[in-house]
Amino acid sequence: MGRGKVQLKRIENKINRQVTFSKRRSGLLKKANEISVLCDAEVALIIFSTKGKLYEYATDSCMDKILERYERYSYAEKVLISAESDTQGNWCHEYRKLKAKVETIQKCQKHLMGEDLESLNLKELQQLEQQLENSLKHIRSRKSQLMLESINELQRKEKSLQEENKVLQKENPSSFLQLVEKQKVQKQQVQWDQTQPQTSSSSSSFMMREALPTTNISNYPAAAGERIEDVAAGQPQHVRIGLPPWMLSHING
């Protein structure tokens, strides 16, 4: 029959407990030696009996070296754990500070928008009003500055164009006069279109038909002593009609 399973609990019999301690101690020392040889590991084993007797095993008999290494590792681990806990504490504290700051900024923004004013007293409302007035002054000052800069830029462009016109007038007077004449004609045309936007085309065509009826020579009445052929062969008379100046300039030209 095989050996039954041993129940892990304190052995009450003193003699049996001592025998079991000796056997298990020897087996534990043997296992420590085996793992150090097979796996090339540094092993340190310390056993104290119930009577206070010390039993130990260390790889290559370097117990002090292994214990020193263990102390360094334990200290580094403790420092790391402490640093992590401090970092977590700092992050929590920083989060609370940032959260309070964001809430304060949101509250001030609502006050500037005219919201949630019930919690403010008279002095706080006066301070808020003064702050808004100062902000308006800065805004208007910036607006005026931008307008002045725009006006100065336009004046500079105007001066530059005038200088270019002077140079063009000196270099090529004929081209300059043609340009000025063209600008005048365009300006007159714009003014004419603005005064009579709807009837310009119809009135112009109507007046042209009334002024130049050359399709039928018989329409002209013959004067006394003149033949119709003479009238037809004569020079056409100039008729003044209500045409705009820019159209007359084109016809005369």
C-alpha atoms as a PDB file:
ATOM      1  CA  MET A   1       0.000   0.000   0.000  1.00  0.00           C
ATOM      2  CA  GLY A   2       1.153   3.518  -0.766  1.00  0.00           C
ATOM      3  CA  ARG A   3       1.740   6.112   1.833  1.00  0.00           C
ATOM      4  CA  GLY A   4      -1.305   8.139   2.615  1.00  0.00           C
ATOM      5  CA  LYS A   5      -1.568  11.891   2.259  1.00  0.00           C
ATOM      6  CA  VAL A   6      -0.112  13.779   5.196  1.00  0.00           C
ATOM      7  CA  GLN A   7      -2.352  16.438   6.628  1.00  0.00           C
ATOM      8  CA  LEU A   8      -0.538  19.780   6.943  1.00  0.00           C
ATOM      9  CA  LYS A   9      -0.968  20.858  10.522  1.00  0.00           C
ATOM     10  CA  ARG A  10       1.209  21.185  13.588  1.00  0.00           C
ATOM     11  CA  ILE A  11       2.440  17.852  14.923  1.00  0.00           C
ATOM     12  CA  GLU A  12       1.474  17.612  18.517  1.00  0.00           C
ATOM     13  CA  ASN A  13       3.930  14.841  19.450  1.00  0.00           C
ATOM     14  CA  LYS A  14       7.242  16.459  20.292  1.00  0.00           C
ATOM     15  CA  ILE A  15       9.400  13.493  19.197  1.00  0.00           C
ATOM     16  CA  ASN A  16       7.567  13.068  15.904  1.00  0.00           C
ATOM     17  CA  ARG A  17       7.784  16.796  15.308  1.00  0.00           C
ATOM     18  CA  GLN A  18      11.560  16.752  15.812  1.00  0.00           C
ATOM     19  CA  VAL A  19      12.001  13.783  13.464  1.00  0.00           C
ATOM     20  CA  THR A  20       9.879  15.429  10.789  1.00  0.00           C
ATOM     21  CA  PHE A  21      11.870  18.664  11.153  1.00  0.00           C
ATOM     22  CA  SER A  22      15.175  16.842  10.627  1.00  0.00           C
ATOM     23  CA  LYS A  23      13.907  15.009   7.553  1.00  0.00           C
ATOM     24  CA  ARG A  24      12.246  18.039   5.939  1.00  0.00           C
ATOM     25  CA  ARG A  25      15.248  20.250   6.701  1.00  0.00           C
ATOM     26  CA  SER A  26      17.607  17.870   4.956  1.00  0.00           C
ATOM     27  CA  GLY A  27      15.273  17.617   1.969  1.00  0.00           C
ATOM     28  CA  LEU A  28      14.921  21.417   1.769  1.00  0.00           C
ATOM     29  CA  LEU A  29      18.693  21.927   1.857  1.00  0.00           C
ATOM     30  CA  LYS A  30      19.088  19.299  -0.838  1.00  0.00           C
ATOM     31  CA  LYS A  31      16.463  21.004  -3.056  1.00  0.00           C
ATOM     32  CA  ALA A  32      18.163  24.385  -2.570  1.00  0.00           C
ATOM     33  CA  ASN A  33      21.477  22.936  -3.701  1.00  0.00           C
ATOM     34  CA  GLU A  34      19.849  21.250  -6.696  1.00  0.00           C
ATOM     35  CA  ILE A  35      18.140  24.426  -7.934  1.00  0.00           C
ATOM     36  CA  SER A  36      21.335  26.441  -7.570  1.00  0.00           C
ATOM     37  CA  VAL A  37      23.334  23.887  -9.586  1.00  0.00           C
ATOM     38  CA  LEU A  38      20.731  23.096 -12.242  1.00  0.00           C
ATOM     39  CA  CYS A  39      19.493  26.644 -12.833  1.00  0.00           C
ATOM     40  CA  ASP A  40      22.638  28.634 -11.963  1.00  0.00           C
ATOM     41  CA  ALA A  41      20.656  30.627  -9.397  1.00  0.00           C
ATOM     42  CA  GLU A  42      21.838  32.353  -6.271  1.00  0.00           C
ATOM     43  CA  VAL A  43      20.085  30.704  -3.322  1.00  0.00           C
ATOM     44  CA  ALA A  44      20.178  31.580   0.342  1.00  0.00           C
ATOM     45  CA  LEU A  45      18.300  29.437   2.843  1.00  0.00           C
ATOM     46  CA  ILE A  46      17.960  30.245   6.555  1.00  0.00           C
ATOM     47  CA  ILE A  47      16.181  27.956   9.009  1.00  0.00           C
ATOM     48  CA  PHE A  48      15.676  28.415  12.741  1.00  0.00           C
ATOM     49  CA  SER A  49      14.503  25.470  14.798  1.00  0.00           C
ATOM     50  CA  THR A  50      12.072  25.741  17.693  1.00  0.00           C
ATOM     51  CA  LYS A  51      15.042  25.794  20.046  1.00  0.00           C
ATOM     52  CA  GLY A  52      16.637  28.701  18.134  1.00  0.00           C
ATOM     53  CA  LYS A  53      19.304  26.717  16.335  1.00  0.00           C
ATOM     54  CA  LEU A  54      20.386  28.152  12.977  1.00  0.00           C
ATOM     55  CA  TYR A  55      20.651  26.096   9.768  1.00  0.00           C
ATOM     56  CA  GLU A  56      21.635  27.901   6.563  1.00  0.00           C
ATOM     57  CA  TYR A  57      22.649  27.309   2.975  1.00  0.00           C
ATOM     58  CA  ALA A  58      24.116  29.818   0.486  1.00  0.00           C
ATOM     59  CA  THR A  59      25.363  29.398  -3.051  1.00  0.00           C
ATOM     60  CA  ASP A  60      29.182  29.338  -3.012  1.00  0.00           C
ATOM     61  CA  SER A  61      28.995  30.214   0.686  1.00  0.00           C
ATOM     62  CA  CYS A  62      28.215  33.897  -0.157  1.00  0.00           C
ATOM     63  CA  MET A  63      25.457  34.490   2.376  1.00  0.00           C
ATOM     64  CA  ASP A  64      26.527  38.093   3.098  1.00  0.00           C
ATOM     65  CA  LYS A  65      26.632  38.950  -0.590  1.00  0.00           C
ATOM     66  CA  ILE A  66      23.160  37.513  -1.203  1.00  0.00           C
ATOM     67  CA  LEU A  67      21.713  39.250   1.854  1.00  0.00           C
ATOM     68  CA  GLU A  68      23.226  42.567   0.790  1.00  0.00           C
ATOM     69  CA  ARG A  69      21.721  42.171  -2.653  1.00  0.00           C
ATOM     70  CA  TYR A  70      18.385  41.339  -1.062  1.00  0.00           C
ATOM     71  CA  GLU A  71      18.523  44.476   1.083  1.00  0.00           C
ATOM     72  CA  ARG A  72      19.288  46.667  -1.928  1.00  0.00           C
ATOM     73  CA  TYR A  73      16.418  45.164  -3.863  1.00  0.00           C
ATOM     74  CA  SER A  74      14.001  45.516  -0.954  1.00  0.00           C
ATOM     75  CA  TYR A  75      15.010  49.140  -0.410  1.00  0.00           C
ATOM     76  CA  ALA A  76      14.651  50.003  -4.102  1.00  0.00           C
ATOM     77  CA  GLU A  77      11.249  48.348  -4.188  1.00  0.00           C
ATOM     78  CA  LYS A  78      10.125  50.281  -1.131  1.00  0.00           C
ATOM     79  CA  VAL A  79      11.341  53.553  -2.635  1.00  0.00           C
ATOM     80  CA  LEU A  80       9.547  52.793  -5.897  1.00  0.00           C
ATOM     81  CA  ILE A  81       6.304  51.979  -4.100  1.00  0.00           C
ATOM     82  CA  SER A  82       6.631  55.135  -2.022  1.00  0.00           C
ATOM     83  CA  ALA A  83       7.331  57.243  -5.114  1.00  0.00           C
ATOM     84  CA  GLU A  84       4.329  55.783  -6.903  1.00  0.00           C
ATOM     85  CA  SER A  85       2.090  56.512  -3.956  1.00  0.00           C
ATOM     86  CA  ASP A  86       3.475  60.068  -3.722  1.00  0.00           C
ATOM     87  CA  THR A  87       2.976  60.545  -7.450  1.00  0.00           C
ATOM     88  CA  GLN A  88      -0.590  59.345  -7.212  1.00  0.00           C
ATOM     89  CA  GLY A  89      -1.161  61.697  -4.314  1.00  0.00           C
ATOM     90  CA  ASN A  90       0.353  64.600  -6.253  1.00  0.00           C
ATOM     91  CA  TRP A  91      -1.753  63.811  -9.286  1.00  0.00           C
ATOM     92  CA  CYS A  92      -4.895  63.729  -7.176  1.00  0.00           C
ATOM     93  CA  HIS A  93      -3.986  67.055  -5.596  1.00  0.00           C
ATOM     94  CA  GLU A  94      -3.195  68.575  -8.986  1.00  0.00           C
ATOM     95  CA  TYR A  95      -6.470  67.288 -10.406  1.00  0.00           C
ATOM     96  CA  ARG A  96      -8.425  68.904  -7.595  1.00  0.00           C
ATOM     97  CA  LYS A  97      -6.617  72.213  -8.153  1.00  0.00           C
ATOM     98  CA  LEU A  98      -7.239  72.172 -11.904  1.00  0.00           C
ATOM     99  CA  LYS A  99     -10.869  71.220 -11.425  1.00  0.00           C
ATOM    100  CA  ALA A 100     -11.427  74.126  -9.043  1.00  0.00           C
ATOM    101  CA  LYS A 101      -9.658  76.483 -11.460  1.00  0.00           C
ATOM    102  CA  VAL A 102     -11.838  75.368 -14.384  1.00  0.00           C
ATOM    103  CA  GLU A 103     -14.990  75.820 -12.321  1.00  0.00           C
ATOM    104  CA  THR A 104     -13.892  79.345 -11.377  1.00  0.00           C
ATOM    105  CA  ILE A 105     -13.188  80.264 -15.011  1.00  0.00           C
ATOM    106  CA  GLN A 106     -16.560  78.901 -16.135  1.00  0.00           C
ATOM    107  CA  LYS A 107     -18.283  80.886 -13.410  1.00  0.00           C
ATOM    108  CA  CYS A 108     -16.501  84.115 -14.444  1.00  0.00           C
ATOM    109  CA  GLN A 109     -17.421  83.470 -18.080  1.00  0.00           C
ATOM    110  CA  LYS A 110     -21.095  83.124 -17.150  1.00  0.00           C
ATOM    111  CA  HIS A 111     -20.910  86.389 -15.200  1.00  0.00           C
ATOM    112  CA  LEU A 112     -19.393  88.179 -18.202  1.00  0.00           C
ATOM    113  CA  MET A 113     -22.239  86.816 -20.354  1.00  0.00           C
ATOM    114  CA  GLY A 114     -24.788  88.194 -17.873  1.00  0.00           C
ATOM    115  CA  GLU A 115     -25.752  84.833 -16.419  1.00  0.00           C
ATOM    116  CA  ASP A 116     -25.954  83.586 -12.816  1.00  0.00           C
ATOM    117  CA  LEU A 117     -25.776  87.108 -11.375  1.00  0.00           C
ATOM    118  CA  GLU A 118     -28.018  86.287  -8.428  1.00  0.00           C
ATOM    119  CA  SER A 119     -25.086  85.137  -6.285  1.00  0.00           C
ATOM    120  CA  LEU A 120     -23.209  88.453  -6.691  1.00  0.00           C
ATOM    121  CA  ASN A 121     -23.555  91.320  -4.272  1.00  0.00           C
ATOM    122  CA  LEU A 122     -23.510  95.034  -5.113  1.00  0.00           C
ATOM    123  CA  LYS A 123     -19.729  95.417  -4.854  1.00  0.00           C
ATOM    124  CA  GLU A 124     -19.079  92.403  -7.082  1.00  0.00           C
ATOM    125  CA  LEU A 125     -21.561  93.706  -9.644  1.00  0.00           C
ATOM    126  CA  GLN A 126     -19.796  97.074  -9.678  1.00  0.00           C
ATOM    127  CA  GLN A 127     -16.462  95.369 -10.210  1.00  0.00           C
ATOM    128  CA  LEU A 128     -17.941  93.318 -13.056  1.00  0.00           C
ATOM    129  CA  GLU A 129     -19.357  96.475 -14.652  1.00  0.00           C
ATOM    130  CA  GLN A 130     -15.984  98.222 -14.405  1.00  0.00           C
ATOM    131  CA  GLN A 131     -14.278  95.218 -15.957  1.00  0.00           C
ATOM    132  CA  LEU A 132     -16.708  95.241 -18.893  1.00  0.00           C
ATOM    133  CA  GLU A 133     -16.190  98.982 -19.419  1.00  0.00           C
ATOM    134  CA  ASN A 134     -12.427  98.530 -19.493  1.00  0.00           C
ATOM    135  CA  SER A 135     -12.830  95.730 -22.001  1.00  0.00           C
ATOM    136  CA  LEU A 136     -15.002  97.944 -24.210  1.00  0.00           C
ATOM    137  CA  LYS A 137     -12.372 100.692 -24.087  1.00  0.00           C
ATOM    138  CA  HIS A 138      -9.688  98.283 -25.259  1.00  0.00           C
ATOM    139  CA  ILE A 139     -11.954  96.979 -28.036  1.00  0.00           C
ATOM    140  CA  ARG A 140     -12.800 100.482 -29.281  1.00  0.00           C
ATOM    141  CA  SER A 141      -9.173 101.527 -29.139  1.00  0.00           C
ATOM    142  CA  ARG A 142      -8.156  98.552 -31.241  1.00  0.00           C
ATOM    143  CA  LYS A 143     -11.000  99.237 -33.685  1.00  0.00           C
ATOM    144  CA  SER A 144      -9.920 102.874 -34.091  1.00  0.00           C
ATOM    145  CA  GLN A 145      -6.347 101.825 -34.630  1.00  0.00           C
ATOM    146  CA  LEU A 146      -7.345  99.418 -37.401  1.00  0.00           C
ATOM    147  CA  MET A 147      -9.508 102.090 -39.069  1.00  0.00           C
ATOM    148  CA  LEU A 148      -6.650 104.605 -39.006  1.00  0.00           C
ATOM    149  CA  GLU A 149      -4.293 102.051 -40.474  1.00  0.00           C
ATOM    150  CA  SER A 150      -6.806 101.336 -43.247  1.00  0.00           C
ATOM    151  CA  ILE A 151      -7.212 105.068 -43.999  1.00  0.00           C
ATOM    152  CA  ASN A 152      -3.453 105.574 -44.099  1.00  0.00           C
ATOM    153  CA  GLU A 153      -3.095 102.645 -46.460  1.00  0.00           C
ATOM    154  CA  LEU A 154      -5.753 104.065 -48.783  1.00  0.00           C
ATOM    155  CA  GLN A 155      -4.091 107.486 -48.728  1.00  0.00           C
ATOM    156  CA  ARG A 156      -0.774 105.894 -49.530  1.00  0.00           C
ATOM    157  CA  LYS A 157      -2.300 104.056 -52.486  1.00  0.00           C
ATOM    158  CA  GLU A 158      -3.949 107.256 -53.695  1.00  0.00           C
ATOM    159  CA  LYS A 159      -0.655 109.121 -53.534  1.00  0.00           C
ATOM    160  CA  SER A 160       1.075 106.317 -55.392  1.00  0.00           C
ATOM    161  CA  LEU A 161      -1.569 106.388 -58.152  1.00  0.00           C
ATOM    162  CA  GLN A 162      -1.250 110.156 -58.475  1.00  0.00           C
ATOM    163  CA  GLU A 163       2.499 109.864 -58.852  1.00  0.00           C
ATOM    164  CA  GLU A 164       2.056 107.167 -61.491  1.00  0.00           C
ATOM    165  CA  ASN A 165      -0.388 109.429 -63.371  1.00  0.00           C
ATOM    166  CA  LYS A 166       2.109 112.282 -63.289  1.00  0.00           C
ATOM    167  CA  VAL A 167       4.859 110.029 -64.617  1.00  0.00           C
ATOM    168  CA  LEU A 168       2.562 108.727 -67.355  1.00  0.00           C
ATOM    169  CA  GLN A 169       1.542 112.262 -68.297  1.00  0.00           C
ATOM    170  CA  LYS A 170       5.162 113.302 -68.668  1.00  0.00           C
ATOM    171  CA  GLU A 171       6.258 110.240 -70.616  1.00  0.00           C
ATOM    172  CA  ASN A 172       3.274 109.887 -72.977  1.00  0.00           C
ATOM    173  CA  PRO A 173       0.801 112.807 -72.896  1.00  0.00           C
ATOM    174  CA  SER A 174      -1.427 111.422 -75.663  1.00  0.00           C
ATOM    175  CA  SER A 175      -1.935 108.105 -73.908  1.00  0.00           C
ATOM    176  CA  PHE A 176      -2.623 109.919 -70.678  1.00  0.00           C
ATOM    177  CA  LEU A 177      -5.263 112.142 -72.319  1.00  0.00           C
ATOM    178  CA  GLN A 178      -6.911 109.122 -73.886  1.00  0.00           C
ATOM    179  CA  LEU A 179      -6.986 107.435 -70.492  1.00  0.00           C
ATOM    180  CA  VAL A 180      -8.528 110.519 -68.854  1.00  0.00           C
ATOM    181  CA  GLU A 181     -11.117 110.815 -71.627  1.00  0.00           C
ATOM    182  CA  LYS A 182     -12.000 107.153 -71.289  1.00  0.00           C
ATOM    183  CA  GLN A 183     -12.434 107.549 -67.543  1.00  0.00           C
ATOM    184  CA  LYS A 184     -14.722 110.562 -68.075  1.00  0.00           C
ATOM    185  CA  VAL A 185     -16.838 108.644 -70.587  1.00  0.00           C
ATOM    186  CA  GLN A 186     -17.148 105.719 -68.203  1.00  0.00           C
ATOM    187  CA  LYS A 187     -18.107 108.062 -65.367  1.00  0.00           C
ATOM    188  CA  GLN A 188     -20.767 109.763 -67.525  1.00  0.00           C
ATOM    189  CA  GLN A 189     -22.125 106.409 -68.599  1.00  0.00           C
ATOM    190  CA  VAL A 190     -22.439 105.283 -64.983  1.00  0.00           C
ATOM    191  CA  GLN A 191     -24.238 108.535 -64.068  1.00  0.00           C
ATOM    192  CA  TRP A 192     -26.609 108.147 -67.035  1.00  0.00           C
ATOM    193  CA  ASP A 193     -27.384 104.548 -66.119  1.00  0.00           C
ATOM    194  CA  GLN A 194     -28.096 105.595 -62.543  1.00  0.00           C
ATOM    195  CA  THR A 195     -30.508 108.404 -63.519  1.00  0.00           C
ATOM    196  CA  GLN A 196     -32.369 106.429 -66.185  1.00  0.00           C
ATOM    197  CA  PRO A 197     -31.860 102.703 -65.498  1.00  0.00           C
ATOM    198  CA  GLN A 198     -35.104 101.518 -67.021  1.00  0.00           C
ATOM    199  CA  THR A 199     -35.781 103.779 -70.044  1.00  0.00           C
ATOM    200  CA  SER A 200     -32.273 104.289 -71.446  1.00  0.00           C
ATOM    201  CA  SER A 201     -32.396 101.583 -74.102  1.00  0.00           C
ATOM    202  CA  SER A 202     -35.983 102.232 -75.278  1.00  0.00           C
ATOM    203  CA  SER A 203     -35.647 106.052 -75.380  1.00  0.00           C
ATOM    204  CA  SER A 204     -32.323 105.882 -77.234  1.00  0.00           C
ATOM    205  CA  SER A 205     -33.699 103.597 -79.947  1.00  0.00           C
ATOM    206  CA  PHE A 206     -36.833 105.716 -80.221  1.00  0.00           C
ATOM    207  CA  MET A 207     -34.911 108.961 -80.587  1.00  0.00           C
ATOM    208  CA  MET A 208     -32.568 107.460 -83.151  1.00  0.00           C
ATOM    209  CA  ARG A 209     -35.553 106.404 -85.276  1.00  0.00           C
ATOM    210  CA  GLU A 210     -37.088 109.873 -85.010  1.00  0.00           C
ATOM    211  CA  ALA A 211     -33.852 111.693 -85.816  1.00  0.00           C
ATOM    212  CA  LEU A 212     -32.731 109.622 -88.794  1.00  0.00           C
ATOM    213  CA  PRO A 213     -35.752 108.568 -90.938  1.00  0.00           C
ATOM    214  CA  THR A 214     -33.743 107.800 -94.110  1.00  0.00           C
ATOM    215  CA  THR A 215     -35.618 104.714 -95.221  1.00  0.00           C
ATOM    216  CA  ASN A 216     -38.078 106.672 -97.413  1.00  0.00           C
ATOM    217  CA  ILE A 217     -36.994 109.889 -99.157  1.00  0.00           C
ATOM    218  CA  SER A 218     -40.598 110.781 -99.929  1.00  0.00           C
ATOM    219  CA  ASN A 219     -41.148 111.563 -96.271  1.00  0.00           C
ATOM    220  CA  TYR A 220     -39.108 114.783 -96.577  1.00  0.00           C
ATOM    221  CA  PRO A 221     -41.293 117.735 -97.706  1.00  0.00           C
ATOM    222  CA  ALA A 222     -39.911 119.587-100.777  1.00  0.00           C
ATOM    223  CA  ALA A 223     -39.374 123.292-100.340  1.00  0.00           C
ATOM    224  CA  ALA A 224     -40.692 125.839-102.845  1.00  0.00           C
ATOM    225  CA  GLY A 225     -38.772 125.707-106.078  1.00  0.00           C
ATOM    226  CA  GLU A 226     -36.807 122.595-105.086  1.00  0.00           C
ATOM    227  CA  ARG A 227     -37.124 119.115-106.435  1.00  0.00           C
ATOM    228  CA  ILE A 228     -37.262 116.036-104.321  1.00  0.00           C
ATOM    229  CA  GLU A 229     -34.076 114.767-105.975  1.00  0.00           C
ATOM    230  CA  ASP A 230     -32.269 117.951-104.938  1.00  0.00           C
ATOM    231  CA  VAL A 231     -33.411 117.517-101.393  1.00  0.00           C
ATOM    232  CA  ALA A 232     -32.292 113.902-101.421  1.00  0.00           C
ATOM    233  CA  ALA A 233     -28.944 114.831-102.957  1.00  0.00           C
ATOM    234  CA  GLY A 234     -28.350 117.660-100.497  1.00  0.00           C
ATOM    235  CA  GLN A 235     -26.358 117.498 -97.269  1.00  0.00           C
ATOM    236  CA  PRO A 236     -28.230 116.012 -94.312  1.00  0.00           C
ATOM    237  CA  GLN A 237     -29.159 118.461 -91.627  1.00  0.00           C
ATOM    238  CA  HIS A 238     -27.841 117.980 -88.137  1.00  0.00           C
ATOM    239  CA  VAL A 239     -30.581 117.374 -85.626  1.00  0.00           C
ATOM    240  CA  ARG A 240     -29.980 117.837 -81.908  1.00  0.00           C
ATOM    241  CA  ILE A 241     -31.641 115.260 -79.766  1.00  0.00           C
ATOM    242  CA  GLY A 242     -31.587 114.497 -76.055  1.00  0.00           C
ATOM    243  CA  LEU A 243     -28.652 112.059 -76.113  1.00  0.00           C
ATOM    244  CA  PRO A 244     -26.237 111.659 -73.192  1.00  0.00           C
ATOM    245  CA  PRO A 245     -22.851 113.425 -73.486  1.00  0.00           C
ATOM    246  CA  TRP A 246     -20.876 110.197 -73.719  1.00  0.00           C
ATOM    247  CA  MET A 247     -23.012 109.077 -76.714  1.00  0.00           C
ATOM    248  CA  LEU A 248     -22.571 112.427 -78.471  1.00  0.00           C
ATOM    249  CA  SER A 249     -18.798 112.209 -78.032  1.00  0.00           C
ATOM    250  CA  HIS A 250     -18.795 108.806 -79.734  1.00  0.00           C
ATOM    251  CA  ILE A 251     -21.029 110.019 -82.597  1.00  0.00           C
ATOM    252  CA  ASN A 252     -18.986 113.172 -83.216  1.00  0.00           C
ATOM    253  CA  GLY A 253     -15.751 111.233 -83.001  1.00  0.00           C
END
